Amino acid sequence: MGVTLDEVGALSKTADRPEMVSSICAVLSETDVINMVSRGISTANILKGIHLSIATRLVKLIRAIKVEKFIGLTGGLANDEGLVATLQAELDRSGTPLLVVAHKDSVFAGAIGAALWGAFRVKKMNSSPQS
């Protein structure tokens, strides 16, 4: 669609008529997006629809596990200002009083977790008796 990752969030925030995509299956979502592009739907409205789809699904999951106070987003999507804003709006709209928190370095959370887990496993393997 000719949009860089850095542009996605800001562009999504300019949408005026978002088009929802499937929130159940990535393949169906891709098909929805291809169809929208062929129908001439603006990139901003497609992106906002994707954000709404993700946020709607997340709100259902968040409510099901009864999260309290705040949601901490990690990974690459935490840097998507459009998704963060849409998730916050969907939480507010659904009457779920939670604050969405994201940090610019949260993209590294998975890598840091994997490194810590790897270090733990190496230490455990090295301390196990060899047969």
N, C-alpha and C. Protein backbone atom coordinates (compact mmCIF):
# COMPACT_ATOMS: atom_id res chain seq x y z
N MET A 1 0.82 -1.20 0.00
CA MET A 1 0.00 0.00 0.00
C MET A 1 0.87 1.26 0.00
N GLY A 2 2.18 1.09 -0.02
CA GLY A 2 3.08 2.23 -0.12
C GLY A 2 3.19 3.06 1.15
N VAL A 3 2.99 2.44 2.30
CA VAL A 3 3.04 3.14 3.58
C VAL A 3 4.14 2.52 4.43
N THR A 4 5.02 3.34 4.98
CA THR A 4 6.06 2.81 5.86
C THR A 4 5.46 2.55 7.24
N LEU A 5 6.12 1.72 8.01
CA LEU A 5 5.65 1.42 9.37
C LEU A 5 5.54 2.69 10.21
N ASP A 6 6.46 3.61 10.00
CA ASP A 6 6.43 4.86 10.76
C ASP A 6 5.22 5.73 10.43
N GLU A 7 4.63 5.54 9.25
CA GLU A 7 3.50 6.35 8.82
C GLU A 7 2.14 5.76 9.20
N VAL A 8 2.10 4.49 9.53
CA VAL A 8 0.83 3.78 9.75
C VAL A 8 -0.03 4.44 10.82
N GLY A 9 0.54 4.68 12.00
CA GLY A 9 -0.24 5.22 13.11
C GLY A 9 -0.85 6.58 12.83
N ALA A 10 -0.02 7.49 12.33
CA ALA A 10 -0.51 8.84 12.05
C ALA A 10 -1.57 8.82 10.94
N LEU A 11 -1.34 8.00 9.94
CA LEU A 11 -2.30 7.91 8.83
C LEU A 11 -3.64 7.34 9.31
N SER A 12 -3.59 6.33 10.15
CA SER A 12 -4.80 5.73 10.70
C SER A 12 -5.63 6.76 11.46
N LYS A 13 -4.95 7.66 12.15
CA LYS A 13 -5.65 8.68 12.95
C LYS A 13 -6.39 9.71 12.09
N THR A 14 -6.11 9.72 10.78
CA THR A 14 -6.79 10.68 9.90
C THR A 14 -8.03 10.07 9.23
N ALA A 15 -8.33 8.81 9.51
CA ALA A 15 -9.46 8.13 8.85
C ALA A 15 -10.78 8.81 9.18
N ASP A 16 -11.66 8.84 8.19
CA ASP A 16 -12.99 9.42 8.42
C ASP A 16 -14.11 8.39 8.29
N ARG A 17 -13.84 7.26 7.61
CA ARG A 17 -14.85 6.19 7.47
C ARG A 17 -14.13 4.84 7.47
N PRO A 18 -13.68 4.39 8.64
CA PRO A 18 -12.92 3.14 8.69
C PRO A 18 -13.72 1.94 8.21
N GLU A 19 -13.03 1.04 7.52
CA GLU A 19 -13.62 -0.20 7.02
C GLU A 19 -13.10 -1.34 7.88
N MET A 20 -14.00 -2.03 8.56
CA MET A 20 -13.60 -3.14 9.43
C MET A 20 -13.12 -4.33 8.60
N VAL A 21 -12.14 -5.03 9.16
CA VAL A 21 -11.65 -6.26 8.56
C VAL A 21 -11.90 -7.41 9.53
N SER A 22 -11.76 -8.63 9.06
CA SER A 22 -11.97 -9.81 9.89
C SER A 22 -11.02 -9.78 11.08
N SER A 23 -11.56 -10.01 12.28
CA SER A 23 -10.70 -10.03 13.46
C SER A 23 -10.40 -11.46 13.89
N ILE A 24 -10.80 -12.41 13.09
CA ILE A 24 -10.63 -13.80 13.48
C ILE A 24 -9.44 -14.46 12.78
N CYS A 25 -9.20 -14.12 11.53
CA CYS A 25 -8.21 -14.83 10.74
C CYS A 25 -7.40 -13.85 9.89
N ALA A 26 -6.08 -13.97 9.95
CA ALA A 26 -5.21 -13.08 9.19
C ALA A 26 -5.41 -13.24 7.69
N VAL A 27 -5.67 -14.45 7.24
CA VAL A 27 -5.88 -14.69 5.81
C VAL A 27 -7.16 -13.98 5.35
N LEU A 28 -8.23 -14.09 6.15
CA LEU A 28 -9.46 -13.39 5.81
C LEU A 28 -9.25 -11.87 5.85
N SER A 29 -8.47 -11.40 6.81
CA SER A 29 -8.19 -9.97 6.89
C SER A 29 -7.46 -9.50 5.64
N GLU A 30 -6.50 -10.28 5.19
CA GLU A 30 -5.75 -9.92 3.98
C GLU A 30 -6.68 -9.85 2.78
N THR A 31 -7.58 -10.82 2.68
CA THR A 31 -8.56 -10.82 1.59
C THR A 31 -9.45 -9.58 1.67
N ASP A 32 -9.88 -9.23 2.90
CA ASP A 32 -10.68 -8.02 3.10
C ASP A 32 -9.93 -6.79 2.60
N VAL A 33 -8.65 -6.68 2.96
CA VAL A 33 -7.86 -5.51 2.57
C VAL A 33 -7.69 -5.44 1.06
N ILE A 34 -7.41 -6.57 0.43
CA ILE A 34 -7.27 -6.59 -1.03
C ILE A 34 -8.57 -6.12 -1.68
N ASN A 35 -9.69 -6.58 -1.16
CA ASN A 35 -10.99 -6.18 -1.68
C ASN A 35 -11.20 -4.67 -1.49
N MET A 36 -10.82 -4.15 -0.34
CA MET A 36 -10.99 -2.71 -0.07
C MET A 36 -10.15 -1.87 -1.01
N VAL A 37 -8.92 -2.30 -1.25
CA VAL A 37 -8.04 -1.58 -2.17
C VAL A 37 -8.67 -1.54 -3.55
N SER A 38 -9.20 -2.68 -3.99
CA SER A 38 -9.82 -2.73 -5.33
C SER A 38 -11.08 -1.88 -5.40
N ARG A 39 -11.75 -1.65 -4.27
CA ARG A 39 -12.95 -0.80 -4.24
C ARG A 39 -12.60 0.68 -4.06
N GLY A 40 -11.32 1.00 -3.93
CA GLY A 40 -10.91 2.39 -3.82
C GLY A 40 -11.02 2.98 -2.42
N ILE A 41 -11.11 2.15 -1.39
CA ILE A 41 -11.16 2.64 -0.01
C ILE A 41 -9.80 3.27 0.30
N SER A 42 -9.80 4.40 0.97
CA SER A 42 -8.54 5.09 1.26
C SER A 42 -7.67 4.27 2.21
N THR A 43 -6.37 4.45 2.07
CA THR A 43 -5.42 3.75 2.92
C THR A 43 -5.67 4.06 4.39
N ALA A 44 -5.96 5.31 4.70
CA ALA A 44 -6.24 5.69 6.10
C ALA A 44 -7.42 4.92 6.66
N ASN A 45 -8.48 4.79 5.88
CA ASN A 45 -9.67 4.06 6.36
C ASN A 45 -9.41 2.56 6.48
N ILE A 46 -8.58 2.02 5.62
CA ILE A 46 -8.21 0.60 5.73
C ILE A 46 -7.38 0.39 6.99
N LEU A 47 -6.39 1.24 7.19
CA LEU A 47 -5.53 1.10 8.38
C LEU A 47 -6.34 1.24 9.67
N LYS A 48 -7.23 2.22 9.70
CA LYS A 48 -8.07 2.40 10.90
C LYS A 48 -8.96 1.18 11.10
N GLY A 49 -9.46 0.59 10.03
CA GLY A 49 -10.26 -0.62 10.14
C GLY A 49 -9.46 -1.77 10.72
N ILE A 50 -8.21 -1.89 10.30
CA ILE A 50 -7.33 -2.92 10.86
C ILE A 50 -7.13 -2.67 12.35
N HIS A 51 -6.86 -1.42 12.70
CA HIS A 51 -6.68 -1.07 14.12
C HIS A 51 -7.94 -1.36 14.93
N LEU A 52 -9.09 -1.01 14.37
CA LEU A 52 -10.36 -1.29 15.07
C LEU A 52 -10.57 -2.79 15.26
N SER A 53 -10.24 -3.56 14.25
CA SER A 53 -10.38 -5.00 14.34
C SER A 53 -9.51 -5.57 15.45
N ILE A 54 -8.25 -5.15 15.49
CA ILE A 54 -7.32 -5.61 16.53
C ILE A 54 -7.81 -5.14 17.90
N ALA A 55 -8.16 -3.87 18.01
CA ALA A 55 -8.57 -3.31 19.30
C ALA A 55 -9.84 -3.97 19.82
N THR A 56 -10.81 -4.21 18.95
CA THR A 56 -12.06 -4.85 19.36
C THR A 56 -11.79 -6.24 19.91
N ARG A 57 -10.94 -6.97 19.23
CA ARG A 57 -10.58 -8.32 19.69
C ARG A 57 -9.83 -8.25 21.02
N LEU A 58 -8.89 -7.32 21.14
CA LEU A 58 -8.14 -7.18 22.39
C LEU A 58 -9.03 -6.81 23.56
N VAL A 59 -9.98 -5.91 23.35
CA VAL A 59 -10.89 -5.51 24.42
C VAL A 59 -11.67 -6.71 24.94
N LYS A 60 -12.12 -7.57 24.05
CA LYS A 60 -12.84 -8.78 24.47
C LYS A 60 -11.95 -9.66 25.34
N LEU A 61 -10.71 -9.84 24.92
CA LEU A 61 -9.78 -10.66 25.70
C LEU A 61 -9.44 -10.01 27.04
N ILE A 62 -9.23 -8.72 27.02
CA ILE A 62 -8.90 -7.97 28.25
C ILE A 62 -10.04 -8.06 29.26
N ARG A 63 -11.25 -7.90 28.78
CA ARG A 63 -12.41 -7.98 29.67
C ARG A 63 -12.59 -9.39 30.21
N ALA A 64 -12.30 -10.40 29.40
CA ALA A 64 -12.47 -11.79 29.81
C ALA A 64 -11.52 -12.16 30.95
N ILE A 65 -10.32 -11.58 30.96
CA ILE A 65 -9.36 -11.93 32.02
C ILE A 65 -9.38 -10.91 33.16
N LYS A 66 -10.28 -9.95 33.09
CA LYS A 66 -10.51 -9.00 34.17
C LYS A 66 -9.25 -8.22 34.59
N VAL A 67 -8.62 -7.61 33.61
CA VAL A 67 -7.44 -6.77 33.86
C VAL A 67 -7.85 -5.55 34.67
N GLU A 68 -6.99 -5.12 35.56
CA GLU A 68 -7.26 -3.95 36.38
C GLU A 68 -6.20 -2.87 36.14
N LYS A 69 -6.59 -1.63 36.14
CA LYS A 69 -5.77 -0.42 36.11
C LYS A 69 -5.16 -0.08 34.75
N PHE A 70 -4.29 -0.93 34.19
CA PHE A 70 -3.66 -0.55 32.94
C PHE A 70 -3.29 -1.77 32.10
N ILE A 71 -3.07 -1.50 30.82
CA ILE A 71 -2.61 -2.51 29.86
C ILE A 71 -1.24 -2.04 29.39
N GLY A 72 -0.24 -2.87 29.54
CA GLY A 72 1.10 -2.56 29.04
C GLY A 72 1.30 -3.26 27.71
N LEU A 73 1.45 -2.50 26.65
CA LEU A 73 1.69 -3.08 25.33
C LEU A 73 3.19 -3.26 25.12
N THR A 74 3.56 -4.39 24.54
CA THR A 74 4.95 -4.64 24.19
C THR A 74 5.01 -5.08 22.73
N GLY A 75 6.20 -5.15 22.21
CA GLY A 75 6.39 -5.57 20.83
C GLY A 75 6.24 -4.41 19.87
N GLY A 76 6.35 -4.72 18.61
CA GLY A 76 6.32 -3.70 17.57
C GLY A 76 5.03 -2.90 17.51
N LEU A 77 3.89 -3.56 17.79
CA LEU A 77 2.62 -2.84 17.70
C LEU A 77 2.49 -1.76 18.77
N ALA A 78 3.26 -1.87 19.84
CA ALA A 78 3.21 -0.84 20.88
C ALA A 78 3.73 0.50 20.36
N ASN A 79 4.51 0.47 19.29
CA ASN A 79 5.02 1.70 18.69
C ASN A 79 4.07 2.29 17.66
N ASP A 80 2.94 1.65 17.43
CA ASP A 80 1.96 2.11 16.46
C ASP A 80 0.96 3.03 17.17
N GLU A 81 1.17 4.33 17.04
CA GLU A 81 0.33 5.29 17.76
C GLU A 81 -1.15 5.19 17.37
N GLY A 82 -1.42 4.75 16.17
CA GLY A 82 -2.80 4.57 15.74
C GLY A 82 -3.47 3.42 16.49
N LEU A 83 -2.76 2.33 16.65
CA LEU A 83 -3.31 1.19 17.38
C LEU A 83 -3.48 1.54 18.86
N VAL A 84 -2.50 2.18 19.44
CA VAL A 84 -2.58 2.55 20.86
C VAL A 84 -3.79 3.46 21.09
N ALA A 85 -3.96 4.46 20.24
CA ALA A 85 -5.09 5.38 20.38
C ALA A 85 -6.43 4.67 20.16
N THR A 86 -6.48 3.76 19.18
CA THR A 86 -7.71 3.04 18.90
C THR A 86 -8.05 2.09 20.05
N LEU A 87 -7.05 1.41 20.60
CA LEU A 87 -7.30 0.52 21.73
C LEU A 87 -7.81 1.31 22.93
N GLN A 88 -7.20 2.46 23.20
CA GLN A 88 -7.66 3.29 24.31
C GLN A 88 -9.11 3.74 24.09
N ALA A 89 -9.42 4.16 22.88
CA ALA A 89 -10.79 4.60 22.55
C ALA A 89 -11.79 3.46 22.69
N GLU A 90 -11.41 2.26 22.26
CA GLU A 90 -12.31 1.10 22.36
C GLU A 90 -12.52 0.69 23.82
N LEU A 91 -11.47 0.77 24.63
CA LEU A 91 -11.62 0.49 26.06
C LEU A 91 -12.57 1.50 26.70
N ASP A 92 -12.38 2.77 26.37
CA ASP A 92 -13.24 3.82 26.91
C ASP A 92 -14.69 3.62 26.45
N ARG A 93 -14.87 3.32 25.17
CA ARG A 93 -16.20 3.13 24.61
C ARG A 93 -16.93 1.96 25.26
N SER A 94 -16.18 0.91 25.60
CA SER A 94 -16.79 -0.29 26.18
C SER A 94 -16.99 -0.17 27.69
N GLY A 95 -16.61 0.97 28.26
CA GLY A 95 -16.78 1.14 29.70
C GLY A 95 -15.75 0.38 30.51
N THR A 96 -14.60 0.12 29.92
CA THR A 96 -13.51 -0.58 30.60
C THR A 96 -12.46 0.46 30.98
N PRO A 97 -12.45 0.89 32.25
CA PRO A 97 -11.58 2.00 32.67
C PRO A 97 -10.12 1.59 32.86
N LEU A 98 -9.44 1.39 31.75
CA LEU A 98 -8.02 1.02 31.79
C LEU A 98 -7.20 2.01 30.99
N LEU A 99 -5.98 2.21 31.41
CA LEU A 99 -5.05 3.06 30.70
C LEU A 99 -4.15 2.18 29.84
N VAL A 100 -3.96 2.55 28.59
CA VAL A 100 -3.05 1.82 27.69
C VAL A 100 -1.68 2.49 27.80
N VAL A 101 -0.69 1.68 28.14
CA VAL A 101 0.67 2.18 28.34
C VAL A 101 1.59 1.49 27.34
N ALA A 102 2.37 2.28 26.62
CA ALA A 102 3.35 1.74 25.67
C ALA A 102 4.61 2.58 25.74
N HIS A 103 5.74 1.94 25.66
CA HIS A 103 7.02 2.64 25.70
C HIS A 103 7.73 2.46 24.36
N LYS A 104 8.46 3.46 23.93
CA LYS A 104 9.11 3.41 22.63
C LYS A 104 10.10 2.25 22.50
N ASP A 105 10.63 1.76 23.61
CA ASP A 105 11.58 0.65 23.57
C ASP A 105 10.92 -0.71 23.78
N SER A 106 9.59 -0.74 23.84
CA SER A 106 8.89 -2.00 24.10
C SER A 106 9.06 -3.02 22.98
N VAL A 107 9.51 -2.58 21.82
CA VAL A 107 9.75 -3.49 20.71
C VAL A 107 10.82 -4.52 21.10
N PHE A 108 11.64 -4.21 22.08
CA PHE A 108 12.72 -5.11 22.50
C PHE A 108 12.30 -6.09 23.59
N ALA A 109 11.07 -5.99 24.08
CA ALA A 109 10.63 -6.82 25.21
C ALA A 109 10.76 -8.32 24.91
N GLY A 110 10.33 -8.75 23.74
CA GLY A 110 10.42 -10.16 23.39
C GLY A 110 11.86 -10.65 23.32
N ALA A 111 12.73 -9.83 22.73
CA ALA A 111 14.14 -10.21 22.62
C ALA A 111 14.80 -10.28 24.00
N ILE A 112 14.47 -9.32 24.86
CA ILE A 112 15.03 -9.33 26.21
C ILE A 112 14.54 -10.56 26.97
N GLY A 113 13.25 -10.84 26.85
CA GLY A 113 12.70 -12.04 27.51
C GLY A 113 13.36 -13.32 27.00
N ALA A 114 13.55 -13.42 25.70
CA ALA A 114 14.19 -14.61 25.13
C ALA A 114 15.63 -14.73 25.62
N ALA A 115 16.35 -13.62 25.69
CA ALA A 115 17.73 -13.64 26.18
C ALA A 115 17.79 -14.08 27.64
N LEU A 116 16.89 -13.55 28.46
CA LEU A 116 16.85 -13.95 29.87
C LEU A 116 16.51 -15.43 30.01
N TRP A 117 15.54 -15.90 29.25
CA TRP A 117 15.18 -17.31 29.29
C TRP A 117 16.35 -18.18 28.83
N GLY A 118 17.02 -17.77 27.76
CA GLY A 118 18.19 -18.51 27.27
C GLY A 118 19.29 -18.57 28.32
N ALA A 119 19.55 -17.45 28.99
CA ALA A 119 20.58 -17.43 30.04
C ALA A 119 20.20 -18.37 31.18
N PHE A 120 18.93 -18.38 31.55
CA PHE A 120 18.45 -19.27 32.60
C PHE A 120 18.67 -20.73 32.21
N ARG A 121 18.30 -21.07 30.96
CA ARG A 121 18.44 -22.45 30.50
C ARG A 121 19.91 -22.88 30.43
N VAL A 122 20.78 -22.00 29.96
CA VAL A 122 22.21 -22.32 29.89
C VAL A 122 22.75 -22.56 31.29
N LYS A 123 22.39 -21.68 32.22
CA LYS A 123 22.85 -21.84 33.61
C LYS A 123 22.35 -23.16 34.19
N LYS A 124 21.10 -23.49 33.92
CA LYS A 124 20.53 -24.75 34.43
C LYS A 124 21.24 -25.95 33.81
N MET A 125 21.49 -25.89 32.49
CA MET A 125 22.17 -27.01 31.83
C MET A 125 23.60 -27.18 32.34
N ASN A 126 24.27 -26.06 32.58
CA ASN A 126 25.66 -26.12 33.05
C ASN A 126 25.77 -26.59 34.50
N SER A 127 24.71 -26.41 35.26
CA SER A 127 24.75 -26.83 36.67
C SER A 127 24.22 -28.24 36.87
N SER A 128 23.66 -28.85 35.83
CA SER A 128 23.16 -30.22 35.91
C SER A 128 24.31 -31.20 35.86
N PRO A 129 24.22 -32.28 36.66
CA PRO A 129 25.27 -33.30 36.59
C PRO A 129 25.33 -33.94 35.21
N GLN A 130 26.51 -34.07 34.66
CA GLN A 130 26.71 -34.71 33.35
C GLN A 130 26.75 -36.22 33.54
N SER A 131 26.11 -36.97 32.65
CA SER A 131 26.15 -38.43 32.78
C SER A 131 27.16 -39.04 31.87
